[in-house]
C-alpha atoms as a PDB file:
ATOM      1  CA  MET A   1      -0.002  -0.001  -0.004  1.00  0.00           C
ATOM      2  CA  ALA A   2       2.794   2.468   0.876  1.00  0.00           C
ATOM      3  CA  ASN A   3       4.510   1.618  -2.461  1.00  0.00           C
ATOM      4  CA  ASN A   4       1.356   2.629  -4.400  1.00  0.00           C
ATOM      5  CA  ALA A   5       1.066   5.889  -2.454  1.00  0.00           C
ATOM      6  CA  LYS A   6       4.664   6.723  -3.333  1.00  0.00           C
ATOM      7  CA  LYS A   7       3.934   6.157  -7.059  1.00  0.00           C
ATOM      8  CA  TYR A   8       0.856   8.382  -6.870  1.00  0.00           C
ATOM      9  CA  ILE A   9       2.771  11.140  -5.125  1.00  0.00           C
ATOM     10  CA  ILE A  10       5.678  10.975  -7.595  1.00  0.00           C
ATOM     11  CA  THR A  11       3.206  10.995 -10.507  1.00  0.00           C
ATOM     12  CA  ALA A  12       1.319  13.997  -9.049  1.00  0.00           C
ATOM     13  CA  VAL A  13       4.499  15.952  -8.396  1.00  0.00           C
ATOM     14  CA  THR A  14       5.873  15.170 -11.861  1.00  0.00           C
ATOM     15  CA  LEU A  15       2.624  16.295 -13.514  1.00  0.00           C
ATOM     16  CA  GLY A  16       2.549  19.453 -11.321  1.00  0.00           C
ATOM     17  CA  VAL A  17       6.123  20.326 -12.345  1.00  0.00           C
ATOM     18  CA  ILE A  18       5.299  19.797 -16.029  1.00  0.00           C
ATOM     19  CA  ALA A  19       2.191  22.015 -15.699  1.00  0.00           C
ATOM     20  CA  ALA A  20       4.191  24.727 -13.898  1.00  0.00           C
ATOM     21  CA  VAL A  21       6.951  24.748 -16.470  1.00  0.00           C
ATOM     22  CA  SER A  22       4.404  24.790 -19.308  1.00  0.00           C
ATOM     23  CA  ALA A  23       2.585  27.730 -17.692  1.00  0.00           C
ATOM     24  CA  GLY A  24       5.835  29.570 -17.264  1.00  0.00           C
ATOM     25  CA  ILE A  25       6.763  29.035 -20.941  1.00  0.00           C
ATOM     26  CA  ILE A  26       3.325  30.273 -22.066  1.00  0.00           C
ATOM     27  CA  GLY A  27       3.594  33.329 -19.821  1.00  0.00           C
ATOM     28  CA  LEU A  28       7.081  34.132 -21.040  1.00  0.00           C
ATOM     29  CA  THR A  29       6.009  33.736 -24.650  1.00  0.00           C
ATOM     30  CA  ASN A  30       3.070  36.134 -24.062  1.00  0.00           C
ATOM     31  CA  LEU A  31       5.368  38.588 -22.347  1.00  0.00           C
ATOM     32  CA  LEU A  32       7.770  38.551 -25.280  1.00  0.00           C
ATOM     33  CA  THR A  33       5.199  38.684 -28.097  1.00  0.00           C
ATOM     34  CA  SER A  34       2.268  40.749 -26.774  1.00  0.00           C
ATOM     35  CA  LYS A  35       3.875  44.120 -27.609  1.00  0.00           C
ATOM     36  CA  GLN A  36       4.722  43.006 -31.203  1.00  0.00           C
ATOM     37  CA  ILE A  37       1.228  41.624 -31.674  1.00  0.00           C
ATOM     38  CA  ALA A  38      -0.240  44.996 -30.632  1.00  0.00           C
ATOM     39  CA  ILE A  39       2.137  46.809 -32.989  1.00  0.00           C
ATOM     40  CA  ASN A  40       1.150  44.488 -35.880  1.00  0.00           C
ATOM     41  CA  GLU A  41      -2.577  45.025 -35.187  1.00  0.00           C
ATOM     42  CA  GLN A  42      -2.026  48.792 -35.256  1.00  0.00           C
ATOM     43  CA  LYS A  43      -0.099  48.517 -38.557  1.00  0.00           C
ATOM     44  CA  ARG A  44      -2.929  46.465 -40.042  1.00  0.00           C
ATOM     45  CA  PHE A  45      -5.483  49.028 -38.856  1.00  0.00           C
ATOM     46  CA  ASN A  46      -3.480  51.869 -40.403  1.00  0.00           C
ATOM     47  CA  ALA A  47      -3.110  49.918 -43.672  1.00  0.00           C
ATOM     48  CA  GLY A  48      -6.864  49.536 -43.734  1.00  0.00           C
ATOM     49  CA  ILE A  49      -7.416  53.280 -43.335  1.00  0.00           C
ATOM     50  CA  VAL A  50      -5.053  53.961 -46.217  1.00  0.00           C
ATOM     51  CA  ALA A  51      -6.572  51.143 -48.396  1.00  0.00           C
ATOM     52  CA  ILE A  52     -10.053  52.660 -48.010  1.00  0.00           C
ATOM     53  CA  PHE A  53      -9.291  56.411 -48.002  1.00  0.00           C
ATOM     54  CA  GLY A  54      -5.815  56.869 -49.539  1.00  0.00           C
ATOM     55  CA  GLU A  55      -2.396  57.997 -48.377  1.00  0.00           C
ATOM     56  CA  ASN A  56      -3.498  61.257 -46.800  1.00  0.00           C
ATOM     57  CA  ALA A  57      -5.896  59.557 -44.378  1.00  0.00           C
ATOM     58  CA  SER A  58      -5.173  59.588 -40.641  1.00  0.00           C
ATOM     59  CA  VAL A  59      -7.157  58.790 -37.525  1.00  0.00           C
ATOM     60  CA  ASP A  60      -7.031  60.697 -34.281  1.00  0.00           C
ATOM     61  CA  THR A  61     -10.353  60.413 -32.463  1.00  0.00           C
ATOM     62  CA  LYS A  62     -11.689  57.042 -31.264  1.00  0.00           C
ATOM     63  CA  TYR A  63     -15.209  56.452 -30.034  1.00  0.00           C
ATOM     64  CA  LYS A  64     -16.220  53.244 -28.299  1.00  0.00           C
ATOM     65  CA  ASN A  65     -19.588  51.788 -29.221  1.00  0.00           C
ATOM     66  CA  GLU A  66     -21.773  52.140 -26.182  1.00  0.00           C
ATOM     67  CA  GLY A  67     -25.017  51.313 -28.021  1.00  0.00           C
ATOM     68  CA  ASN A  68     -26.888  48.103 -28.497  1.00  0.00           C
ATOM     69  CA  GLY A  69     -25.192  47.182 -31.734  1.00  0.00           C
ATOM     70  CA  LYS A  70     -24.229  43.641 -32.485  1.00  0.00           C
ATOM     71  CA  TYR A  71     -21.143  44.230 -34.713  1.00  0.00           C
ATOM     72  CA  VAL A  72     -19.792  47.811 -34.402  1.00  0.00           C
ATOM     73  CA  GLN A  73     -17.127  47.943 -31.701  1.00  0.00           C
ATOM     74  CA  GLU A  74     -15.749  51.418 -32.226  1.00  0.00           C
ATOM     75  CA  TRP A  75     -15.597  54.210 -34.811  1.00  0.00           C
ATOM     76  CA  TYR A  76     -13.239  57.007 -35.743  1.00  0.00           C
ATOM     77  CA  TRP A  77     -12.973  60.299 -37.567  1.00  0.00           C
ATOM     78  CA  VAL A  78     -10.751  59.917 -40.537  1.00  0.00           C
ATOM     79  CA  HIS A  79      -8.897  63.108 -41.457  1.00  0.00           C
ATOM     80  CA  MET A  80      -7.969  63.608 -45.109  1.00  0.00           C
ATOM     81  CA  GLY A  81      -5.775  66.677 -44.838  1.00  0.00           C
ATOM     82  CA  GLU A  82      -5.953  70.343 -43.973  1.00  0.00           C
ATOM     83  CA  GLY A  83      -9.284  71.931 -44.828  1.00  0.00           C
ATOM     84  CA  VAL A  84     -10.914  68.637 -45.900  1.00  0.00           C
ATOM     85  CA  GLU A  85     -13.950  67.371 -43.985  1.00  0.00           C
ATOM     86  CA  PRO A  86     -13.294  64.141 -42.110  1.00  0.00           C
ATOM     87  CA  ASN A  87     -14.739  60.748 -43.101  1.00  0.00           C
ATOM     88  CA  TYR A  88     -15.801  57.819 -40.898  1.00  0.00           C
ATOM     89  CA  ILE A  89     -14.381  54.390 -40.204  1.00  0.00           C
ATOM     90  CA  PHE A  90     -16.127  51.652 -38.187  1.00  0.00           C
ATOM     91  CA  LYS A  91     -14.366  48.662 -36.691  1.00  0.00           C
ATOM     92  CA  THR A  92     -16.751  45.754 -36.754  1.00  0.00           C
ATOM     93  CA  THR A  93     -16.487  42.115 -35.636  1.00  0.00           C
ATOM     94  CA  GLY A  94     -18.942  39.273 -36.129  1.00  0.00           C
ATOM     95  CA  SER A  95     -19.009  35.499 -36.188  1.00  0.00           C
ATOM     96  CA  ASN A  96     -21.160  32.687 -37.438  1.00  0.00           C
ATOM     97  CA  MET A  97     -20.883  28.887 -37.570  1.00  0.00           C
ATOM     98  CA  TYR A  98     -18.087  29.303 -40.187  1.00  0.00           C
ATOM     99  CA  GLY A  99     -15.832  31.486 -38.053  1.00  0.00           C
ATOM    100  CA  LYS A 100     -14.985  35.067 -37.079  1.00  0.00           C
ATOM    101  CA  ILE A 101     -14.464  38.113 -39.250  1.00  0.00           C
ATOM    102  CA  SER A 102     -13.412  41.599 -38.360  1.00  0.00           C
ATOM    103  CA  LEU A 103     -13.627  44.498 -40.827  1.00  0.00           C
ATOM    104  CA  LEU A 104     -13.049  48.170 -41.131  1.00  0.00           C
ATOM    105  CA  VAL A 105     -15.980  49.791 -42.903  1.00  0.00           C
ATOM    106  CA  GLY A 106     -15.488  53.245 -44.381  1.00  0.00           C
ATOM    107  CA  PHE A 107     -17.955  56.023 -45.238  1.00  0.00           C
ATOM    108  CA  ASP A 108     -17.282  59.457 -46.743  1.00  0.00           C
ATOM    109  CA  ARG A 109     -18.492  62.683 -45.191  1.00  0.00           C
ATOM    110  CA  ALA A 110     -21.747  62.378 -47.131  1.00  0.00           C
ATOM    111  CA  LYS A 111     -22.181  58.988 -45.445  1.00  0.00           C
ATOM    112  CA  ASN A 112     -21.701  56.998 -48.678  1.00  0.00           C
ATOM    113  CA  PHE A 113     -20.148  53.560 -48.410  1.00  0.00           C
ATOM    114  CA  LYS A 114     -16.469  53.665 -49.453  1.00  0.00           C
ATOM    115  CA  GLY A 115     -15.368  50.074 -48.814  1.00  0.00           C
ATOM    116  CA  THR A 116     -14.188  47.500 -46.365  1.00  0.00           C
ATOM    117  CA  TYR A 117     -10.805  46.245 -45.221  1.00  0.00           C
ATOM    118  CA  THR A 118     -10.392  42.821 -43.637  1.00  0.00           C
ATOM    119  CA  LEU A 119      -8.597  42.770 -40.282  1.00  0.00           C
ATOM    120  CA  VAL A 120      -9.376  39.129 -39.381  1.00  0.00           C
ATOM    121  CA  ASN A 121     -10.936  36.491 -41.610  1.00  0.00           C
ATOM    122  CA  GLU A 122     -11.285  33.087 -39.958  1.00  0.00           C
ATOM    123  CA  GLN A 123     -14.233  32.028 -42.132  1.00  0.00           C
ATOM    124  CA  THR A 124     -14.090  28.430 -43.429  1.00  0.00           C
ATOM    125  CA  TYR A 125     -14.438  29.709 -47.002  1.00  0.00           C
ATOM    126  CA  ALA A 126     -12.293  32.761 -46.435  1.00  0.00           C
ATOM    127  CA  SER A 127     -10.719  33.018 -49.915  1.00  0.00           C
ATOM    128  CA  THR A 128     -14.116  32.460 -51.584  1.00  0.00           C
ATOM    129  CA  LEU A 129     -15.622  35.215 -49.457  1.00  0.00           C
ATOM    130  CA  VAL A 130     -12.839  37.615 -50.380  1.00  0.00           C
ATOM    131  CA  ASP A 131     -12.583  36.776 -54.074  1.00  0.00           C
ATOM    132  CA  ASN A 132     -16.329  36.439 -54.825  1.00  0.00           C
ATOM    133  CA  TYR A 133     -17.846  38.970 -52.440  1.00  0.00           C
ATOM    134  CA  LEU A 134     -15.572  41.467 -50.700  1.00  0.00           C
ATOM    135  CA  VAL A 135     -13.395  42.384 -53.688  1.00  0.00           C
ATOM    136  CA  PRO A 136     -16.397  42.879 -56.039  1.00  0.00           C
ATOM    137  CA  VAL A 137     -18.346  44.876 -53.453  1.00  0.00           C
ATOM    138  CA  ASN A 138     -15.346  47.103 -52.700  1.00  0.00           C
ATOM    139  CA  GLY A 139     -14.763  47.533 -56.435  1.00  0.00           C
ATOM    140  CA  GLY A 140     -18.391  48.502 -57.079  1.00  0.00           C
ATOM    141  CA  ASP A 141     -18.937  45.438 -59.284  1.00  0.00           C
ATOM    142  CA  LYS A 142     -21.409  43.784 -56.872  1.00  0.00           C
ATOM    143  CA  GLU A 143     -24.249  45.125 -54.776  1.00  0.00           C
ATOM    144  CA  LEU A 144     -23.892  44.710 -50.999  1.00  0.00           C
ATOM    145  CA  ASP A 145     -27.183  42.789 -50.863  1.00  0.00           C
ATOM    146  CA  ASP A 146     -26.123  40.273 -53.564  1.00  0.00           C
ATOM    147  CA  VAL A 147     -24.695  37.656 -51.176  1.00  0.00           C
ATOM    148  CA  THR A 148     -24.591  34.725 -53.590  1.00  0.00           C
ATOM    149  CA  CYS A 149     -20.867  34.021 -53.860  1.00  0.00           C
ATOM    150  CA  GLY A 150     -20.019  30.488 -52.708  1.00  0.00           C
ATOM    151  CA  ALA A 151     -19.657  31.699 -49.098  1.00  0.00           C
ATOM    152  CA  THR A 152     -23.197  32.953 -48.597  1.00  0.00           C
ATOM    153  CA  TYR A 153     -23.210  32.796 -44.794  1.00  0.00           C
ATOM    154  CA  GLY A 154     -19.993  34.812 -44.631  1.00  0.00           C
ATOM    155  CA  ALA A 155     -21.312  37.319 -47.189  1.00  0.00           C
ATOM    156  CA  LYS A 156     -24.576  37.699 -45.168  1.00  0.00           C
ATOM    157  CA  LEU A 157     -22.502  38.356 -42.064  1.00  0.00           C
ATOM    158  CA  VAL A 158     -20.400  40.984 -43.838  1.00  0.00           C
ATOM    159  CA  ARG A 159     -23.542  42.578 -45.310  1.00  0.00           C
ATOM    160  CA  ASP A 160     -25.104  42.786 -41.841  1.00  0.00           C
ATOM    161  CA  MET A 161     -21.903  44.274 -40.424  1.00  0.00           C
ATOM    162  CA  VAL A 162     -21.762  46.934 -43.106  1.00  0.00           C
ATOM    163  CA  LYS A 163     -25.464  47.750 -42.688  1.00  0.00           C
ATOM    164  CA  GLU A 164     -25.080  48.167 -38.948  1.00  0.00           C
ATOM    165  CA  ALA A 165     -22.097  50.446 -39.559  1.00  0.00           C
ATOM    166  CA  GLN A 166     -24.210  52.424 -42.014  1.00  0.00           C
ATOM    167  CA  GLU A 167     -26.938  52.839 -39.343  1.00  0.00           C
ATOM    168  CA  TYR A 168     -24.400  54.132 -36.876  1.00  0.00           C
ATOM    169  CA  CYS A 169     -22.912  56.438 -39.543  1.00  0.00           C
ATOM    170  CA  ASN A 170     -26.371  57.822 -40.333  1.00  0.00           C
ATOM    171  CA  GLY A 171     -26.839  58.505 -36.618  1.00  0.00           C
ATOM    172  CA  ILE A 172     -23.731  60.723 -36.400  1.00  0.00           C
ATOM    173  CA  ILE A 173     -24.645  64.377 -36.298  1.00  0.00           C
ATOM    174  CA  ILE A 174     -22.583  66.585 -38.488  1.00  0.00           C
ATOM    175  CA  GLU A 175     -21.691  69.864 -36.805  1.00  0.00           C
END
């Protein structure tokens, strides 16, 4: 009986040491990479602003979504240069049974849809969604409501995200 107890204690201690070392490695990895991950996310965000609005675009004011929206997380004024009225960009995130997607959705000062930029696309049919829906919608070759593309559930999610951003945009009062 004492021999079995010794085996159990040694096994428990060994597993505890393995768990502690693993947790330490995970924590150290997070410590070393979290800053770079945040920098890369900011670079991707800035690239999206430029992709939608051009080289002169910059963001300075951030507003958190405090409404009851499902997809819009935050929105920003997008400045286009001295003396030019700012535009709007909305950061949206949604998911369905095929995965998560996060987009920037841009509107000009007149609140017209300018395009999207994909920050995260974890959809099962990600390339189909991009090639057959996002690129044509951004290029003006496809209507937002035409979701038939081979990744219909992803397209419906994107459409709903853009429409919610449009509702928020329409609610912004122009001074």
